C-alpha atoms as a PDB file:
ATOM      1  CA  MET A   1      36.629 -27.782  -5.043  1.00  0.00           C
ATOM      2  CA  LEU A   2      33.706 -27.838  -7.460  1.00  0.00           C
ATOM      3  CA  LYS A   3      33.593 -24.031  -7.417  1.00  0.00           C
ATOM      4  CA  LYS A   4      37.297 -23.839  -8.415  1.00  0.00           C
ATOM      5  CA  LEU A   5      36.773 -26.339 -11.236  1.00  0.00           C
ATOM      6  CA  PHE A   6      33.753 -24.418 -12.535  1.00  0.00           C
ATOM      7  CA  THR A   7      35.648 -21.085 -12.422  1.00  0.00           C
ATOM      8  CA  THR A   8      38.636 -22.578 -14.257  1.00  0.00           C
ATOM      9  CA  ALA A   9      36.395 -24.074 -16.952  1.00  0.00           C
ATOM     10  CA  LEU A  10      34.530 -20.782 -17.385  1.00  0.00           C
ATOM     11  CA  LEU A  11      37.794 -18.810 -17.777  1.00  0.00           C
ATOM     12  CA  PHE A  12      39.040 -21.361 -20.313  1.00  0.00           C
ATOM     13  CA  LEU A  13      35.839 -21.078 -22.354  1.00  0.00           C
ATOM     14  CA  VAL A  14      35.945 -17.266 -22.323  1.00  0.00           C
ATOM     15  CA  THR A  15      39.570 -17.123 -23.517  1.00  0.00           C
ATOM     16  CA  THR A  16      38.956 -19.814 -26.147  1.00  0.00           C
ATOM     17  CA  ALA A  17      35.881 -17.984 -27.440  1.00  0.00           C
ATOM     18  CA  ALA A  18      37.851 -14.723 -27.639  1.00  0.00           C
ATOM     19  CA  ASN A  19      40.418 -16.368 -29.956  1.00  0.00           C
ATOM     20  CA  ALA A  20      37.954 -18.520 -31.923  1.00  0.00           C
ATOM     21  CA  ASN A  21      37.153 -15.788 -34.429  1.00  0.00           C
ATOM     22  CA  LEU A  22      40.777 -14.937 -35.224  1.00  0.00           C
ATOM     23  CA  ILE A  23      42.702 -16.320 -38.184  1.00  0.00           C
ATOM     24  CA  HIS A  24      45.608 -18.486 -36.986  1.00  0.00           C
ATOM     25  CA  GLY A  25      48.587 -19.740 -38.949  1.00  0.00           C
ATOM     26  CA  SER A  26      51.470 -18.698 -41.151  1.00  0.00           C
ATOM     27  CA  PHE A  27      52.942 -19.125 -44.628  1.00  0.00           C
ATOM     28  CA  ASP A  28      56.030 -18.068 -46.591  1.00  0.00           C
ATOM     29  CA  VAL A  29      56.433 -16.426 -50.002  1.00  0.00           C
ATOM     30  CA  THR A  30      59.700 -16.172 -51.950  1.00  0.00           C
ATOM     31  CA  GLY A  31      60.500 -14.478 -55.242  1.00  0.00           C
ATOM     32  CA  THR A  32      62.501 -11.770 -56.999  1.00  0.00           C
ATOM     33  CA  GLY A  33      62.139  -8.024 -56.654  1.00  0.00           C
ATOM     34  CA  LEU A  34      63.698  -4.663 -57.362  1.00  0.00           C
ATOM     35  CA  THR A  35      64.122  -3.147 -53.914  1.00  0.00           C
ATOM     36  CA  THR A  36      64.877   0.548 -53.449  1.00  0.00           C
ATOM     37  CA  LEU A  37      66.584   1.743 -50.262  1.00  0.00           C
ATOM     38  CA  ASN A  38      67.131   5.284 -49.035  1.00  0.00           C
ATOM     39  CA  ASP A  39      70.504   6.489 -47.712  1.00  0.00           C
ATOM     40  CA  ALA A  40      69.564   5.339 -44.188  1.00  0.00           C
ATOM     41  CA  GLY A  41      69.150   1.753 -45.429  1.00  0.00           C
ATOM     42  CA  GLU A  42      65.354   1.705 -45.178  1.00  0.00           C
ATOM     43  CA  VAL A  43      63.214   0.086 -47.878  1.00  0.00           C
ATOM     44  CA  THR A  44      61.200   2.746 -49.722  1.00  0.00           C
ATOM     45  CA  GLN A  45      59.792   0.681 -52.587  1.00  0.00           C
ATOM     46  CA  ILE A  46      59.631  -2.902 -53.891  1.00  0.00           C
ATOM     47  CA  ASP A  47      58.837  -3.776 -57.506  1.00  0.00           C
ATOM     48  CA  PHE A  48      57.410  -7.311 -57.722  1.00  0.00           C
ATOM     49  CA  SER A  49      56.887  -7.270 -61.521  1.00  0.00           C
ATOM     50  CA  LEU A  50      59.857  -9.621 -62.043  1.00  0.00           C
ATOM     51  CA  ASN A  51      57.562 -12.411 -60.823  1.00  0.00           C
ATOM     52  CA  ASP A  52      55.079 -11.812 -63.664  1.00  0.00           C
ATOM     53  CA  PRO A  53      55.480 -14.261 -66.601  1.00  0.00           C
ATOM     54  CA  LEU A  54      53.965 -11.616 -68.919  1.00  0.00           C
ATOM     55  CA  ILE A  55      56.915  -9.302 -68.168  1.00  0.00           C
ATOM     56  CA  ASP A  56      59.707 -11.869 -67.752  1.00  0.00           C
ATOM     57  CA  SER A  57      59.358 -15.196 -69.607  1.00  0.00           C
ATOM     58  CA  TRP A  58      61.523 -16.933 -66.961  1.00  0.00           C
ATOM     59  CA  ALA A  59      59.368 -15.673 -64.096  1.00  0.00           C
ATOM     60  CA  THR A  60      56.990 -17.753 -62.035  1.00  0.00           C
ATOM     61  CA  PRO A  61      54.060 -16.238 -60.143  1.00  0.00           C
ATOM     62  CA  LEU A  62      54.413 -15.737 -56.397  1.00  0.00           C
ATOM     63  CA  LYS A  63      52.945 -18.643 -54.424  1.00  0.00           C
ATOM     64  CA  ALA A  64      52.795 -19.559 -50.766  1.00  0.00           C
ATOM     65  CA  SER A  65      54.741 -22.396 -49.163  1.00  0.00           C
ATOM     66  CA  SER A  66      54.916 -23.933 -45.682  1.00  0.00           C
ATOM     67  CA  ALA A  67      51.318 -22.981 -44.856  1.00  0.00           C
ATOM     68  CA  THR A  68      50.050 -23.795 -41.358  1.00  0.00           C
ATOM     69  CA  GLY A  69      46.775 -23.389 -39.464  1.00  0.00           C
ATOM     70  CA  ASP A  70      43.882 -21.651 -41.197  1.00  0.00           C
ATOM     71  CA  TYR A  71      46.058 -20.803 -44.211  1.00  0.00           C
ATOM     72  CA  ARG A  72      46.682 -24.515 -44.766  1.00  0.00           C
ATOM     73  CA  THR A  73      42.987 -25.306 -44.288  1.00  0.00           C
ATOM     74  CA  VAL A  74      42.043 -22.892 -47.080  1.00  0.00           C
ATOM     75  CA  ALA A  75      44.864 -24.241 -49.304  1.00  0.00           C
ATOM     76  CA  VAL A  76      46.865 -21.063 -49.922  1.00  0.00           C
ATOM     77  CA  LYS A  77      49.732 -23.263 -51.191  1.00  0.00           C
ATOM     78  CA  ASP A  78      48.164 -23.645 -54.658  1.00  0.00           C
ATOM     79  CA  ALA A  79      46.924 -20.057 -54.905  1.00  0.00           C
ATOM     80  CA  ILE A  80      48.619 -17.031 -56.495  1.00  0.00           C
ATOM     81  CA  PHE A  81      49.976 -14.424 -54.038  1.00  0.00           C
ATOM     82  CA  SER A  82      48.803 -11.145 -55.557  1.00  0.00           C
ATOM     83  CA  VAL A  83      50.673  -8.126 -54.175  1.00  0.00           C
ATOM     84  CA  GLN A  84      50.287  -4.381 -54.765  1.00  0.00           C
ATOM     85  CA  ASN A  85      52.884  -3.324 -57.335  1.00  0.00           C
ATOM     86  CA  PRO A  86      54.898  -1.202 -57.049  1.00  0.00           C
ATOM     87  CA  PHE A  87      54.819  -1.536 -53.305  1.00  0.00           C
ATOM     88  CA  ILE A  88      55.512   1.922 -51.810  1.00  0.00           C
ATOM     89  CA  ILE A  89      56.303   1.802 -48.080  1.00  0.00           C
ATOM     90  CA  SER A  90      55.175   5.368 -47.302  1.00  0.00           C
ATOM     91  CA  ASN A  91      51.684   4.523 -48.581  1.00  0.00           C
ATOM     92  CA  ILE A  92      50.513   1.414 -46.687  1.00  0.00           C
ATOM     93  CA  THR A  93      48.039   2.626 -44.059  1.00  0.00           C
ATOM     94  CA  GLY A  94      44.559   1.391 -44.936  1.00  0.00           C
ATOM     95  CA  VAL A  95      45.776   0.015 -48.277  1.00  0.00           C
ATOM     96  CA  GLU A  96      45.092  -3.560 -49.420  1.00  0.00           C
ATOM     97  CA  LEU A  97      48.664  -4.849 -49.839  1.00  0.00           C
ATOM     98  CA  TRP A  98      48.135  -8.491 -50.832  1.00  0.00           C
ATOM     99  CA  THR A  99      45.505 -11.173 -51.372  1.00  0.00           C
ATOM    100  CA  ILE A 100      45.675 -14.964 -51.568  1.00  0.00           C
ATOM    101  CA  ALA A 101      42.910 -17.594 -51.581  1.00  0.00           C
ATOM    102  CA  GLY A 102      40.335 -15.088 -50.304  1.00  0.00           C
ATOM    103  CA  PHE A 103      42.585 -13.685 -47.549  1.00  0.00           C
ATOM    104  CA  THR A 104      43.202  -9.931 -47.744  1.00  0.00           C
ATOM    105  CA  PHE A 105      45.983  -8.057 -45.910  1.00  0.00           C
ATOM    106  CA  THR A 106      45.465  -4.341 -45.211  1.00  0.00           C
ATOM    107  CA  GLY A 107      48.435  -2.317 -43.921  1.00  0.00           C
ATOM    108  CA  ILE A 108      48.455  -0.493 -40.590  1.00  0.00           C
ATOM    109  CA  SER A 109      52.082   0.437 -39.892  1.00  0.00           C
ATOM    110  CA  VAL A 110      55.742  -0.362 -40.489  1.00  0.00           C
ATOM    111  CA  HIS A 111      57.094  -2.072 -37.389  1.00  0.00           C
ATOM    112  CA  ASP A 112      60.724  -2.433 -38.437  1.00  0.00           C
ATOM    113  CA  ASN A 113      62.690  -1.243 -41.496  1.00  0.00           C
ATOM    114  CA  ASN A 114      66.479  -1.414 -41.507  1.00  0.00           C
ATOM    115  CA  THR A 115      69.601  -2.773 -43.145  1.00  0.00           C
ATOM    116  CA  SER A 116      72.443  -4.444 -41.287  1.00  0.00           C
ATOM    117  CA  GLY A 117      75.432  -5.234 -43.478  1.00  0.00           C
ATOM    118  CA  VAL A 118      73.966  -6.693 -46.669  1.00  0.00           C
ATOM    119  CA  ALA A 119      70.703  -7.946 -45.085  1.00  0.00           C
ATOM    120  CA  THR A 120      67.547  -5.857 -45.128  1.00  0.00           C
ATOM    121  CA  GLY A 121      64.494  -6.541 -42.971  1.00  0.00           C
ATOM    122  CA  LEU A 122      61.030  -4.986 -43.174  1.00  0.00           C
ATOM    123  CA  ALA A 123      58.138  -5.864 -40.849  1.00  0.00           C
ATOM    124  CA  ILE A 124      54.662  -4.575 -41.632  1.00  0.00           C
ATOM    125  CA  ILE A 125      51.729  -4.858 -39.239  1.00  0.00           C
ATOM    126  CA  GLY A 126      48.279  -5.090 -40.758  1.00  0.00           C
ATOM    127  CA  THR A 127      45.009  -6.967 -40.576  1.00  0.00           C
ATOM    128  CA  VAL A 128      44.003 -10.109 -42.438  1.00  0.00           C
ATOM    129  CA  SER A 129      40.396 -10.837 -43.238  1.00  0.00           C
ATOM    130  CA  HIS A 130      38.565 -13.554 -45.160  1.00  0.00           C
ATOM    131  CA  VAL A 131      34.896 -13.213 -46.108  1.00  0.00           C
ATOM    132  CA  GLY A 132      32.905 -15.975 -44.459  1.00  0.00           C
ATOM    133  CA  TYR A 133      35.916 -17.474 -42.670  1.00  0.00           C
ATOM    134  CA  ALA A 134      36.392 -15.274 -39.613  1.00  0.00           C
ATOM    135  CA  ASP A 135      34.077 -12.768 -37.973  1.00  0.00           C
ATOM    136  CA  THR A 136      36.824 -10.277 -37.248  1.00  0.00           C
ATOM    137  CA  ASP A 137      40.055  -8.961 -38.759  1.00  0.00           C
ATOM    138  CA  THR A 138      43.205 -10.521 -37.327  1.00  0.00           C
ATOM    139  CA  GLU A 139      46.301  -8.448 -36.585  1.00  0.00           C
ATOM    140  CA  THR A 140      49.077  -9.976 -38.676  1.00  0.00           C
ATOM    141  CA  GLU A 141      52.790  -9.426 -39.298  1.00  0.00           C
ATOM    142  CA  TRP A 142      54.324  -9.571 -42.777  1.00  0.00           C
ATOM    143  CA  PHE A 143      58.105  -9.857 -42.511  1.00  0.00           C
ATOM    144  CA  PHE A 144      60.103  -9.255 -45.721  1.00  0.00           C
ATOM    145  CA  SER A 145      63.860  -9.824 -46.009  1.00  0.00           C
ATOM    146  CA  THR A 146      66.421  -9.659 -48.798  1.00  0.00           C
ATOM    147  CA  GLN A 147      70.189  -9.503 -49.217  1.00  0.00           C
ATOM    148  CA  HIS A 148      72.855  -8.009 -51.493  1.00  0.00           C
ATOM    149  CA  LEU A 149      71.350  -4.537 -51.799  1.00  0.00           C
ATOM    150  CA  VAL A 150      73.250  -1.379 -52.634  1.00  0.00           C
ATOM    151  CA  ILE A 151      72.012   1.592 -50.597  1.00  0.00           C
ATOM    152  CA  GLY A 152      70.504   4.367 -52.708  1.00  0.00           C
ATOM    153  CA  THR A 153      70.049   2.250 -55.863  1.00  0.00           C
ATOM    154  CA  GLU A 154      67.828  -0.504 -57.210  1.00  0.00           C
ATOM    155  CA  THR A 155      69.208  -4.019 -57.169  1.00  0.00           C
ATOM    156  CA  LYS A 156      67.571  -7.188 -58.480  1.00  0.00           C
ATOM    157  CA  ALA A 157      67.581  -9.606 -55.567  1.00  0.00           C
ATOM    158  CA  SER A 158      65.703 -12.605 -54.283  1.00  0.00           C
ATOM    159  CA  PHE A 159      63.508 -12.121 -51.245  1.00  0.00           C
ATOM    160  CA  SER A 160      61.715 -14.187 -48.665  1.00  0.00           C
ATOM    161  CA  SER A 161      58.751 -13.180 -46.596  1.00  0.00           C
ATOM    162  CA  SER A 162      56.716 -14.699 -43.778  1.00  0.00           C
ATOM    163  CA  ILE A 163      53.132 -13.974 -42.836  1.00  0.00           C
ATOM    164  CA  THR A 164      52.095 -14.797 -39.250  1.00  0.00           C
ATOM    165  CA  SER A 165      48.554 -14.507 -37.816  1.00  0.00           C
ATOM    166  CA  PRO A 166      47.826 -13.367 -35.192  1.00  0.00           C
ATOM    167  CA  VAL A 167      50.824 -11.278 -34.262  1.00  0.00           C
ATOM    168  CA  SER A 168      52.489 -13.049 -31.348  1.00  0.00           C
ATOM    169  CA  THR A 169      52.238 -11.198 -28.083  1.00  0.00           C
ATOM    170  CA  GLN A 170      54.989 -12.243 -25.754  1.00  0.00           C
ATOM    171  CA  VAL A 171      54.792 -11.493 -22.058  1.00  0.00           C
ATOM    172  CA  THR A 172      57.968  -9.675 -21.018  1.00  0.00           C
ATOM    173  CA  GLU A 173      60.110 -10.978 -18.172  1.00  0.00           C
ATOM    174  CA  PRO A 174      58.809  -8.385 -15.648  1.00  0.00           C
ATOM    175  CA  GLY A 175      55.252  -9.286 -16.670  1.00  0.00           C
ATOM    176  CA  THR A 176      55.908 -12.985 -16.140  1.00  0.00           C
ATOM    177  CA  LEU A 177      57.377 -12.325 -12.694  1.00  0.00           C
ATOM    178  CA  ALA A 178      54.425 -10.111 -11.764  1.00  0.00           C
ATOM    179  CA  ILE A 179      51.935 -12.831 -12.735  1.00  0.00           C
ATOM    180  CA  PHE A 180      53.920 -15.404 -10.742  1.00  0.00           C
ATOM    181  CA  ALA A 181      54.051 -13.083  -7.715  1.00  0.00           C
ATOM    182  CA  LEU A 182      50.289 -12.499  -7.844  1.00  0.00           C
ATOM    183  CA  GLY A 183      49.755 -16.279  -7.916  1.00  0.00           C
ATOM    184  CA  LEU A 184      51.919 -16.718  -4.805  1.00  0.00           C
ATOM    185  CA  VAL A 185      50.033 -13.926  -3.005  1.00  0.00           C
ATOM    186  CA  GLY A 186      46.757 -15.623  -3.938  1.00  0.00           C
ATOM    187  CA  PHE A 187      47.939 -18.960  -2.540  1.00  0.00           C
ATOM    188  CA  GLY A 188      49.106 -17.233   0.645  1.00  0.00           C
ATOM    189  CA  LEU A 189      45.771 -15.473   1.153  1.00  0.00           C
ATOM    190  CA  ARG A 190      43.858 -18.667   0.427  1.00  0.00           C
ATOM    191  CA  ARG A 191      45.913 -20.566   2.993  1.00  0.00           C
ATOM    192  CA  LYS A 192      45.198 -17.933   5.699  1.00  0.00           C
ATOM    193  CA  GLN A 193      41.434 -18.235   5.116  1.00  0.00           C
ATOM    194  CA  LYS A 194      41.317 -22.016   5.764  1.00  0.00           C
ATOM    195  CA  PRO A 195      40.243 -23.022   9.288  1.00  0.00           C
ATOM    196  CA  VAL A 196      42.918 -24.662  11.441  1.00  0.00           C
END
């Protein structure tokens, strides 16, 4: 019994230590942008300059809201969300795309980019880092959505985006069943080893 308890505690500590250095949390950013779509309905470029008070006197700078986890701890809510402008989708790999409160997001790939009806969704996978806050970069998803776009033209539209760290990894249904089956096999083998 003591051996089982020790093994369980050791596994818990190893998995906790593996996640300790990652940045955890999420936040949202909303604003206005000129979004360009190609004929297939994919976002090719976003111009965030409409959020710059120097360009538009009615504009307000982009700021985070609904911060959770490490983003809330570092107070991203009061910080300016600085984004690469113009934001060109074909040029994101290895590029610093946004910064806020010392967090930096560097693009890796476009995970999803499509339009359904009048709604457009764009998901970008990248890494977030923060000097002195985490020892390692954290894989993060930046999801951007907007509505009322005309394909093939630029349209001024409001947008919302969500940043989530780390990227959630969901175990698929077959994976869940396989883990459950292995647990049952383990119980069965353990029961056979006990003396009668």
